[in-house]
Amino acid sequence: MSIAGTYECVTKTPMGDQKSEFTIEVNGDTFTGKNAGAMGSMDLENGKIDGNKLTWSMKMTVPMPMTLEGEATVDGDTITGGVKAGAFGTFPMSGTRKA
């Protein structure tokens, strides 16, 4: 199964639904990419792949600086998981691969 690609995602946050394009570039059992949306573009860091499970971090600057931790599962063209924002908790994320 291919994990690489661009996914149109929605993350449910206290500031409302945050739509973004989540791009994954695979290199063996690691990956890099970007999460780009209304809050700007964040580089995906420390991306690891275990089967169809992904983990990563990204540094947010707006509305406040913090490091976000993400975990998701890819099933075909669907990605589901969550993004942890420190003491604010984990926010659900889901999306589908762009054609």
PDB file of N, CA and C in Angstrom:
ATOM      1  N   MET A   1       0.834  -1.174   0.000  1.00  0.00           N
ATOM      2  CA  MET A   1       0.000   0.000   0.000  1.00  0.00           C
ATOM      3  C   MET A   1       0.885   1.246   0.000  1.00  0.00           C
ATOM      4  N   SER A   2       0.524   2.198  -0.834  1.00  0.00           N
ATOM      5  CA  SER A   2       1.265   3.448  -0.904  1.00  0.00           C
ATOM      6  C   SER A   2       0.708   4.448   0.099  1.00  0.00           C
ATOM      7  N   ILE A   3       1.587   5.051   0.860  1.00  0.00           N
ATOM      8  CA  ILE A   3       1.199   6.073   1.825  1.00  0.00           C
ATOM      9  C   ILE A   3       1.457   7.463   1.257  1.00  0.00           C
ATOM     10  N   ALA A   4       2.434   7.574   0.368  1.00  0.00           N
ATOM     11  CA  ALA A   4       2.811   8.879  -0.187  1.00  0.00           C
ATOM     12  C   ALA A   4       1.638   9.521  -0.916  1.00  0.00           C
ATOM     13  N   GLY A   5       1.602  10.849  -0.860  1.00  0.00           N
ATOM     14  CA  GLY A   5       0.577  11.595  -1.578  1.00  0.00           C
ATOM     15  C   GLY A   5       0.171  12.840  -0.829  1.00  0.00           C
ATOM     16  N   THR A   6      -0.855  13.496  -1.354  1.00  0.00           N
ATOM     17  CA  THR A   6      -1.418  14.684  -0.727  1.00  0.00           C
ATOM     18  C   THR A   6      -2.847  14.372  -0.308  1.00  0.00           C
ATOM     19  N   TYR A   7      -3.145  14.649   0.943  1.00  0.00           N
ATOM     20  CA  TYR A   7      -4.456  14.377   1.520  1.00  0.00           C
ATOM     21  C   TYR A   7      -5.138  15.704   1.863  1.00  0.00           C
ATOM     22  N   GLU A   8      -6.411  15.824   1.522  1.00  0.00           N
ATOM     23  CA  GLU A   8      -7.204  16.973   1.950  1.00  0.00           C
ATOM     24  C   GLU A   8      -7.766  16.616   3.314  1.00  0.00           C
ATOM     25  N   CYS A   9      -7.330  17.342   4.341  1.00  0.00           N
ATOM     26  CA  CYS A   9      -7.654  16.983   5.724  1.00  0.00           C
ATOM     27  C   CYS A   9      -8.451  18.065   6.433  1.00  0.00           C
ATOM     28  N   VAL A  10      -9.133  17.640   7.492  1.00  0.00           N
ATOM     29  CA  VAL A  10      -9.813  18.536   8.420  1.00  0.00           C
ATOM     30  C   VAL A  10      -9.396  18.118   9.825  1.00  0.00           C
ATOM     31  N   THR A  11      -8.941  19.106  10.611  1.00  0.00           N
ATOM     32  CA  THR A  11      -8.633  18.878  12.017  1.00  0.00           C
ATOM     33  C   THR A  11      -9.652  19.662  12.827  1.00  0.00           C
ATOM     34  N   LYS A  12     -10.343  18.970  13.734  1.00  0.00           N
ATOM     35  CA  LYS A  12     -11.375  19.595  14.571  1.00  0.00           C
ATOM     36  C   LYS A  12     -10.696  20.226  15.784  1.00  0.00           C
ATOM     37  N   THR A  13     -10.737  21.567  15.876  1.00  0.00           N
ATOM     38  CA  THR A  13     -10.085  22.292  16.968  1.00  0.00           C
ATOM     39  C   THR A  13     -11.088  23.213  17.661  1.00  0.00           C
ATOM     40  N   PRO A  14     -10.731  23.756  18.840  1.00  0.00           N
ATOM     41  CA  PRO A  14     -11.607  24.726  19.497  1.00  0.00           C
ATOM     42  C   PRO A  14     -11.823  25.995  18.654  1.00  0.00           C
ATOM     43  N   MET A  15     -10.936  26.245  17.701  1.00  0.00           N
ATOM     44  CA  MET A  15     -11.063  27.409  16.815  1.00  0.00           C
ATOM     45  C   MET A  15     -11.860  27.058  15.561  1.00  0.00           C
ATOM     46  N   GLY A  16     -12.507  25.910  15.563  1.00  0.00           N
ATOM     47  CA  GLY A  16     -13.289  25.467  14.412  1.00  0.00           C
ATOM     48  C   GLY A  16     -12.518  24.459  13.578  1.00  0.00           C
ATOM     49  N   ASP A  17     -13.167  23.979  12.518  1.00  0.00           N
ATOM     50  CA  ASP A  17     -12.534  23.021  11.614  1.00  0.00           C
ATOM     51  C   ASP A  17     -11.399  23.693  10.855  1.00  0.00           C
ATOM     52  N   GLN A  18     -10.211  23.081  10.904  1.00  0.00           N
ATOM     53  CA  GLN A  18      -9.045  23.612  10.201  1.00  0.00           C
ATOM     54  C   GLN A  18      -8.760  22.714   8.999  1.00  0.00           C
ATOM     55  N   LYS A  19      -9.015  23.235   7.795  1.00  0.00           N
ATOM     56  CA  LYS A  19      -8.760  22.478   6.572  1.00  0.00           C
ATOM     57  C   LYS A  19      -7.309  22.678   6.151  1.00  0.00           C
ATOM     58  N   SER A  20      -6.705  21.598   5.644  1.00  0.00           N
ATOM     59  CA  SER A  20      -5.314  21.691   5.201  1.00  0.00           C
ATOM     60  C   SER A  20      -5.011  20.620   4.161  1.00  0.00           C
ATOM     61  N   GLU A  21      -3.907  20.833   3.462  1.00  0.00           N
ATOM     62  CA  GLU A  21      -3.353  19.805   2.578  1.00  0.00           C
ATOM     63  C   GLU A  21      -2.155  19.205   3.296  1.00  0.00           C
ATOM     64  N   PHE A  22      -2.210  17.909   3.509  1.00  0.00           N
ATOM     65  CA  PHE A  22      -1.200  17.158   4.245  1.00  0.00           C
ATOM     66  C   PHE A  22      -0.427  16.338   3.218  1.00  0.00           C
ATOM     67  N   THR A  23       0.827  16.710   2.952  1.00  0.00           N
ATOM     68  CA  THR A  23       1.628  16.067   1.916  1.00  0.00           C
ATOM     69  C   THR A  23       2.685  15.169   2.549  1.00  0.00           C
ATOM     70  N   ILE A  24       2.753  13.916   2.068  1.00  0.00           N
ATOM     71  CA  ILE A  24       3.678  12.917   2.597  1.00  0.00           C
ATOM     72  C   ILE A  24       4.624  12.465   1.490  1.00  0.00           C
ATOM     73  N   GLU A  25       5.925  12.556   1.757  1.00  0.00           N
ATOM     74  CA  GLU A  25       6.961  12.061   0.852  1.00  0.00           C
ATOM     75  C   GLU A  25       7.722  10.970   1.599  1.00  0.00           C
ATOM     76  N   VAL A  26       7.576   9.725   1.141  1.00  0.00           N
ATOM     77  CA  VAL A  26       8.116   8.558   1.845  1.00  0.00           C
ATOM     78  C   VAL A  26       9.560   8.274   1.430  1.00  0.00           C
ATOM     79  N   ASN A  27      10.377   7.877   2.434  1.00  0.00           N
ATOM     80  CA  ASN A  27      11.743   7.430   2.208  1.00  0.00           C
ATOM     81  C   ASN A  27      11.985   6.236   3.129  1.00  0.00           C
ATOM     82  N   GLY A  28      11.606   5.027   2.653  1.00  0.00           N
ATOM     83  CA  GLY A  28      11.750   3.826   3.476  1.00  0.00           C
ATOM     84  C   GLY A  28      10.739   3.828   4.608  1.00  0.00           C
ATOM     85  N   ASP A  29      11.232   3.790   5.863  1.00  0.00           N
ATOM     86  CA  ASP A  29      10.315   3.796   7.004  1.00  0.00           C
ATOM     87  C   ASP A  29      10.230   5.176   7.669  1.00  0.00           C
ATOM     88  N   THR A  30      10.631   6.212   6.922  1.00  0.00           N
ATOM     89  CA  THR A  30      10.495   7.589   7.394  1.00  0.00           C
ATOM     90  C   THR A  30       9.790   8.415   6.324  1.00  0.00           C
ATOM     91  N   PHE A  31       9.346   9.598   6.700  1.00  0.00           N
ATOM     92  CA  PHE A  31       8.735  10.487   5.722  1.00  0.00           C
ATOM     93  C   PHE A  31       8.942  11.946   6.113  1.00  0.00           C
ATOM     94  N   THR A  32       8.823  12.808   5.120  1.00  0.00           N
ATOM     95  CA  THR A  32       8.827  14.250   5.299  1.00  0.00           C
ATOM     96  C   THR A  32       7.587  14.781   4.601  1.00  0.00           C
ATOM     97  N   GLY A  33       7.351  16.052   4.708  1.00  0.00           N
ATOM     98  CA  GLY A  33       6.218  16.652   4.021  1.00  0.00           C
ATOM     99  C   GLY A  33       5.819  17.965   4.644  1.00  0.00           C
ATOM    100  N   LYS A  34       4.585  18.383   4.345  1.00  0.00           N
ATOM    101  CA  LYS A  34       4.054  19.651   4.832  1.00  0.00           C
ATOM    102  C   LYS A  34       2.582  19.499   5.189  1.00  0.00           C
ATOM    103  N   ASN A  35       2.141  20.351   6.088  1.00  0.00           N
ATOM    104  CA  ASN A  35       0.728  20.512   6.386  1.00  0.00           C
ATOM    105  C   ASN A  35       0.438  21.990   6.157  1.00  0.00           C
ATOM    106  N   ALA A  36      -0.300  22.308   5.107  1.00  0.00           N
ATOM    107  CA  ALA A  36      -0.522  23.701   4.718  1.00  0.00           C
ATOM    108  C   ALA A  36      -2.010  24.019   4.708  1.00  0.00           C
ATOM    109  N   GLY A  37      -2.359  25.125   5.377  1.00  0.00           N
ATOM    110  CA  GLY A  37      -3.755  25.559   5.424  1.00  0.00           C
ATOM    111  C   GLY A  37      -3.839  27.016   5.824  1.00  0.00           C
ATOM    112  N   ALA A  38      -4.988  27.410   6.353  1.00  0.00           N
ATOM    113  CA  ALA A  38      -5.230  28.804   6.727  1.00  0.00           C
ATOM    114  C   ALA A  38      -4.271  29.299   7.809  1.00  0.00           C
ATOM    115  N   MET A  39      -3.749  28.384   8.630  1.00  0.00           N
ATOM    116  CA  MET A  39      -2.822  28.761   9.702  1.00  0.00           C
ATOM    117  C   MET A  39      -1.374  28.803   9.229  1.00  0.00           C
ATOM    118  N   GLY A  40      -1.156  28.656   7.921  1.00  0.00           N
ATOM    119  CA  GLY A  40       0.189  28.664   7.374  1.00  0.00           C
ATOM    120  C   GLY A  40       0.646  27.270   6.988  1.00  0.00           C
ATOM    121  N   SER A  41       1.922  27.155   6.674  1.00  0.00           N
ATOM    122  CA  SER A  41       2.509  25.891   6.246  1.00  0.00           C
ATOM    123  C   SER A  41       3.524  25.431   7.286  1.00  0.00           C
ATOM    124  N   MET A  42       3.386  24.172   7.718  1.00  0.00           N
ATOM    125  CA  MET A  42       4.303  23.616   8.712  1.00  0.00           C
ATOM    126  C   MET A  42       4.999  22.395   8.123  1.00  0.00           C
ATOM    127  N   ASP A  43       6.320  22.329   8.285  1.00  0.00           N
ATOM    128  CA  ASP A  43       7.072  21.151   7.860  1.00  0.00           C
ATOM    129  C   ASP A  43       6.800  20.001   8.821  1.00  0.00           C
ATOM    130  N   LEU A  44       6.606  18.805   8.258  1.00  0.00           N
ATOM    131  CA  LEU A  44       6.474  17.602   9.072  1.00  0.00           C
ATOM    132  C   LEU A  44       7.875  17.152   9.447  1.00  0.00           C
ATOM    133  N   GLU A  45       8.114  16.927  10.728  1.00  0.00           N
ATOM    134  CA  GLU A  45       9.430  16.533  11.228  1.00  0.00           C
ATOM    135  C   GLU A  45       9.338  15.193  11.937  1.00  0.00           C
ATOM    136  N   ASN A  46      10.450  14.484  11.991  1.00  0.00           N
ATOM    137  CA  ASN A  46      10.543  13.209  12.713  1.00  0.00           C
ATOM    138  C   ASN A  46       9.493  12.202  12.253  1.00  0.00           C
ATOM    139  N   GLY A  47       9.137  12.229  10.963  1.00  0.00           N
ATOM    140  CA  GLY A  47       8.111  11.333  10.427  1.00  0.00           C
ATOM    141  C   GLY A  47       8.573   9.886  10.409  1.00  0.00           C
ATOM    142  N   LYS A  48       7.799   9.019  11.030  1.00  0.00           N
ATOM    143  CA  LYS A  48       8.105   7.582  11.070  1.00  0.00           C
ATOM    144  C   LYS A  48       6.895   6.794  10.587  1.00  0.00           C
ATOM    145  N   ILE A  49       7.179   5.686   9.904  1.00  0.00           N
ATOM    146  CA  ILE A  49       6.142   4.808   9.372  1.00  0.00           C
ATOM    147  C   ILE A  49       6.310   3.434  10.004  1.00  0.00           C
ATOM    148  N   ASP A  50       5.220   2.898  10.533  1.00  0.00           N
ATOM    149  CA  ASP A  50       5.197   1.542  11.080  1.00  0.00           C
ATOM    150  C   ASP A  50       3.968   0.859  10.477  1.00  0.00           C
ATOM    151  N   GLY A  51       4.176   0.112   9.385  1.00  0.00           N
ATOM    152  CA  GLY A  51       3.050  -0.474   8.655  1.00  0.00           C
ATOM    153  C   GLY A  51       2.274   0.631   7.970  1.00  0.00           C
ATOM    154  N   ASN A  52       1.038   0.858   8.400  1.00  0.00           N
ATOM    155  CA  ASN A  52       0.253   1.954   7.835  1.00  0.00           C
ATOM    156  C   ASN A  52       0.009   3.058   8.878  1.00  0.00           C
ATOM    157  N   LYS A  53       0.787   3.011   9.978  1.00  0.00           N
ATOM    158  CA  LYS A  53       0.681   4.011  11.037  1.00  0.00           C
ATOM    159  C   LYS A  53       1.799   5.043  10.899  1.00  0.00           C
ATOM    160  N   LEU A  54       1.423   6.324  10.979  1.00  0.00           N
ATOM    161  CA  LEU A  54       2.369   7.426  10.861  1.00  0.00           C
ATOM    162  C   LEU A  54       2.453   8.191  12.177  1.00  0.00           C
ATOM    163  N   THR A  55       3.669   8.637  12.540  1.00  0.00           N
ATOM    164  CA  THR A  55       3.856   9.559  13.652  1.00  0.00           C
ATOM    165  C   THR A  55       4.774  10.678  13.172  1.00  0.00           C
ATOM    166  N   TRP A  56       4.562  11.889  13.678  1.00  0.00           N
ATOM    167  CA  TRP A  56       5.359  13.035  13.253  1.00  0.00           C
ATOM    168  C   TRP A  56       5.198  14.165  14.268  1.00  0.00           C
ATOM    169  N   SER A  57       5.985  15.219  14.081  1.00  0.00           N
ATOM    170  CA  SER A  57       5.816  16.454  14.840  1.00  0.00           C
ATOM    171  C   SER A  57       5.880  17.616  13.852  1.00  0.00           C
ATOM    172  N   MET A  58       5.365  18.759  14.269  1.00  0.00           N
ATOM    173  CA  MET A  58       5.442  19.970  13.451  1.00  0.00           C
ATOM    174  C   MET A  58       5.374  21.163  14.391  1.00  0.00           C
ATOM    175  N   LYS A  59       6.070  22.235  14.000  1.00  0.00           N
ATOM    176  CA  LYS A  59       6.136  23.424  14.840  1.00  0.00           C
ATOM    177  C   LYS A  59       5.137  24.461  14.342  1.00  0.00           C
ATOM    178  N   MET A  60       4.193  24.792  15.212  1.00  0.00           N
ATOM    179  CA  MET A  60       3.174  25.788  14.908  1.00  0.00           C
ATOM    180  C   MET A  60       3.636  27.139  15.451  1.00  0.00           C
ATOM    181  N   THR A  61       3.343  28.218  14.732  1.00  0.00           N
ATOM    182  CA  THR A  61       3.680  29.558  15.219  1.00  0.00           C
ATOM    183  C   THR A  61       2.433  30.411  15.459  1.00  0.00           C
ATOM    184  N   VAL A  62       1.316  30.093  14.779  1.00  0.00           N
ATOM    185  CA  VAL A  62       0.080  30.869  14.894  1.00  0.00           C
ATOM    186  C   VAL A  62      -1.011  29.948  15.416  1.00  0.00           C
ATOM    187  N   PRO A  63      -1.811  30.271  16.378  1.00  0.00           N
ATOM    188  CA  PRO A  63      -1.872  31.553  17.074  1.00  0.00           C
ATOM    189  C   PRO A  63      -0.848  31.681  18.195  1.00  0.00           C
ATOM    190  N   MET A  64      -0.135  30.592  18.531  1.00  0.00           N
ATOM    191  CA  MET A  64       0.940  30.662  19.523  1.00  0.00           C
ATOM    192  C   MET A  64       1.975  29.598  19.179  1.00  0.00           C
ATOM    193  N   PRO A  65       3.240  29.854  19.494  1.00  0.00           N
ATOM    194  CA  PRO A  65       4.261  28.851  19.183  1.00  0.00           C
ATOM    195  C   PRO A  65       4.140  27.612  20.061  1.00  0.00           C
ATOM    196  N   MET A  66       4.157  26.443  19.409  1.00  0.00           N
ATOM    197  CA  MET A  66       4.184  25.169  20.125  1.00  0.00           C
ATOM    198  C   MET A  66       4.507  24.047  19.135  1.00  0.00           C
ATOM    199  N   THR A  67       4.985  22.944  19.667  1.00  0.00           N
ATOM    200  CA  THR A  67       5.235  21.769  18.847  1.00  0.00           C
ATOM    201  C   THR A  67       4.034  20.852  18.954  1.00  0.00           C
ATOM    202  N   LEU A  68       3.489  20.469  17.805  1.00  0.00           N
ATOM    203  CA  LEU A  68       2.356  19.558  17.734  1.00  0.00           C
ATOM    204  C   LEU A  68       2.863  18.153  17.451  1.00  0.00           C
ATOM    205  N   GLU A  69       2.232  17.149  18.025  1.00  0.00           N
ATOM    206  CA  GLU A  69       2.592  15.746  17.803  1.00  0.00           C
ATOM    207  C   GLU A  69       1.420  15.064  17.101  1.00  0.00           C
ATOM    208  N   GLY A  70       1.691  14.429  15.974  1.00  0.00           N
ATOM    209  CA  GLY A  70       0.633  13.785  15.213  1.00  0.00           C
ATOM    210  C   GLY A  70       0.792  12.285  15.132  1.00  0.00           C
ATOM    211  N   GLU A  71      -0.359  11.613  15.023  1.00  0.00           N
ATOM    212  CA  GLU A  71      -0.398  10.166  14.837  1.00  0.00           C
ATOM    213  C   GLU A  71      -1.617   9.872  13.969  1.00  0.00           C
ATOM    214  N   ALA A  72      -1.414   9.071  12.923  1.00  0.00           N
ATOM    215  CA  ALA A  72      -2.524   8.753  12.020  1.00  0.00           C
ATOM    216  C   ALA A  72      -2.309   7.395  11.378  1.00  0.00           C
ATOM    217  N   THR A  73      -3.402   6.855  10.855  1.00  0.00           N
ATOM    218  CA  THR A  73      -3.388   5.594  10.132  1.00  0.00           C
ATOM    219  C   THR A  73      -3.894   5.855   8.724  1.00  0.00           C
ATOM    220  N   VAL A  74      -3.186   5.287   7.739  1.00  0.00           N
ATOM    221  CA  VAL A  74      -3.610   5.377   6.340  1.00  0.00           C
ATOM    222  C   VAL A  74      -4.248   4.047   5.963  1.00  0.00           C
ATOM    223  N   ASP A  75      -5.472   4.119   5.420  1.00  0.00           N
ATOM    224  CA  ASP A  75      -6.202   2.938   4.966  1.00  0.00           C
ATOM    225  C   ASP A  75      -6.705   3.247   3.558  1.00  0.00           C
ATOM    226  N   GLY A  76      -5.986   2.748   2.554  1.00  0.00           N
ATOM    227  CA  GLY A  76      -6.319   3.074   1.168  1.00  0.00           C
ATOM    228  C   GLY A  76      -6.089   4.551   0.918  1.00  0.00           C
ATOM    229  N   ASP A  77      -7.148   5.279   0.577  1.00  0.00           N
ATOM    230  CA  ASP A  77      -7.042   6.712   0.311  1.00  0.00           C
ATOM    231  C   ASP A  77      -7.535   7.552   1.477  1.00  0.00           C
ATOM    232  N   THR A  78      -7.682   6.940   2.663  1.00  0.00           N
ATOM    233  CA  THR A  78      -8.193   7.642   3.834  1.00  0.00           C
ATOM    234  C   THR A  78      -7.116   7.726   4.907  1.00  0.00           C
ATOM    235  N   ILE A  79      -7.037   8.889   5.559  1.00  0.00           N
ATOM    236  CA  ILE A  79      -6.132   9.064   6.697  1.00  0.00           C
ATOM    237  C   ILE A  79      -6.973   9.524   7.890  1.00  0.00           C
ATOM    238  N   THR A  80      -6.769   8.897   9.054  1.00  0.00           N
ATOM    239  CA  THR A  80      -7.477   9.280  10.271  1.00  0.00           C
ATOM    240  C   THR A  80      -6.504   9.247  11.438  1.00  0.00           C
ATOM    241  N   GLY A  81      -6.695  10.147  12.360  1.00  0.00           N
ATOM    242  CA  GLY A  81      -5.817  10.177  13.519  1.00  0.00           C
ATOM    243  C   GLY A  81      -6.069  11.401  14.352  1.00  0.00           C
ATOM    244  N   GLY A  82      -5.008  11.927  14.942  1.00  0.00           N
ATOM    245  CA  GLY A  82      -5.141  13.091  15.796  1.00  0.00           C
ATOM    246  C   GLY A  82      -3.854  13.871  15.898  1.00  0.00           C
ATOM    247  N   VAL A  83      -4.008  15.129  16.310  1.00  0.00           N
ATOM    248  CA  VAL A  83      -2.869  16.017  16.515  1.00  0.00           C
ATOM    249  C   VAL A  83      -2.926  16.501  17.958  1.00  0.00           C
ATOM    250  N   LYS A  84      -1.856  16.226  18.719  1.00  0.00           N
ATOM    251  CA  LYS A  84      -1.796  16.618  20.123  1.00  0.00           C
ATOM    252  C   LYS A  84      -1.145  17.997  20.228  1.00  0.00           C
ATOM    253  N   ALA A  85      -1.848  18.893  20.928  1.00  0.00           N
ATOM    254  CA  ALA A  85      -1.363  20.256  21.122  1.00  0.00           C
ATOM    255  C   ALA A  85      -1.084  20.490  22.602  1.00  0.00           C
ATOM    256  N   GLY A  86      -0.081  19.792  23.119  1.00  0.00           N
ATOM    257  CA  GLY A  86       0.331  19.953  24.508  1.00  0.00           C
ATOM    258  C   GLY A  86      -0.819  19.784  25.484  1.00  0.00           C
ATOM    259  N   ALA A  87      -0.942  20.730  26.428  1.00  0.00           N
ATOM    260  CA  ALA A  87      -1.973  20.676  27.464  1.00  0.00           C
ATOM    261  C   ALA A  87      -3.381  20.886  26.912  1.00  0.00           C
ATOM    262  N   PHE A  88      -3.492  21.316  25.649  1.00  0.00           N
ATOM    263  CA  PHE A  88      -4.803  21.534  25.032  1.00  0.00           C
ATOM    264  C   PHE A  88      -5.461  20.226  24.607  1.00  0.00           C
ATOM    265  N   GLY A  89      -4.707  19.134  24.616  1.00  0.00           N
ATOM    266  CA  GLY A  89      -5.270  17.835  24.262  1.00  0.00           C
ATOM    267  C   GLY A  89      -5.035  17.455  22.818  1.00  0.00           C
ATOM    268  N   THR A  90      -5.697  16.391  22.388  1.00  0.00           N
ATOM    269  CA  THR A  90      -5.559  15.853  21.037  1.00  0.00           C
ATOM    270  C   THR A  90      -6.824  16.167  20.238  1.00  0.00           C
ATOM    271  N   PHE A  91      -6.619  16.662  19.029  1.00  0.00           N
ATOM    272  CA  PHE A  91      -7.721  17.046  18.158  1.00  0.00           C
ATOM    273  C   PHE A  91      -7.816  16.056  17.004  1.00  0.00           C
ATOM    274  N   PRO A  92      -9.017  15.541  16.704  1.00  0.00           N
ATOM    275  CA  PRO A  92      -9.179  14.555  15.631  1.00  0.00           C
ATOM    276  C   PRO A  92      -8.870  15.151  14.257  1.00  0.00           C
ATOM    277  N   MET A  93      -8.223  14.344  13.426  1.00  0.00           N
ATOM    278  CA  MET A  93      -7.873  14.718  12.058  1.00  0.00           C
ATOM    279  C   MET A  93      -8.326  13.605  11.133  1.00  0.00           C
ATOM    280  N   SER A  94      -8.884  13.959   9.988  1.00  0.00           N
ATOM    281  CA  SER A  94      -9.257  12.954   8.990  1.00  0.00           C
ATOM    282  C   SER A  94      -9.154  13.583   7.610  1.00  0.00           C
ATOM    283  N   GLY A  95      -9.002  12.736   6.596  1.00  0.00           N
ATOM    284  CA  GLY A  95      -8.912  13.256   5.245  1.00  0.00           C
ATOM    285  C   GLY A  95      -8.884  12.156   4.198  1.00  0.00           C
ATOM    286  N   THR A  96      -8.885  12.592   2.944  1.00  0.00           N
ATOM    287  CA  THR A  96      -8.810  11.677   1.810  1.00  0.00           C
ATOM    288  C   THR A  96      -7.735  12.138   0.847  1.00  0.00           C
ATOM    289  N   ARG A  97      -7.130  11.172   0.186  1.00  0.00           N
ATOM    290  CA  ARG A  97      -6.057  11.445  -0.781  1.00  0.00           C
ATOM    291  C   ARG A  97      -6.638  12.151  -1.996  1.00  0.00           C
ATOM    292  N   LYS A  98      -5.923  13.177  -2.448  1.00  0.00           N
ATOM    293  CA  LYS A  98      -6.331  13.868  -3.675  1.00  0.00           C
ATOM    294  C   LYS A  98      -6.018  12.991  -4.878  1.00  0.00           C
ATOM    295  N   ALA A  99      -6.876  13.036  -5.863  1.00  0.00           N
ATOM    296  CA  ALA A  99      -6.679  12.233  -7.084  1.00  0.00           C
ATOM    297  C   ALA A  99      -5.533  12.774  -7.898  1.00  0.00           C
TER     298      ALA A  99
END
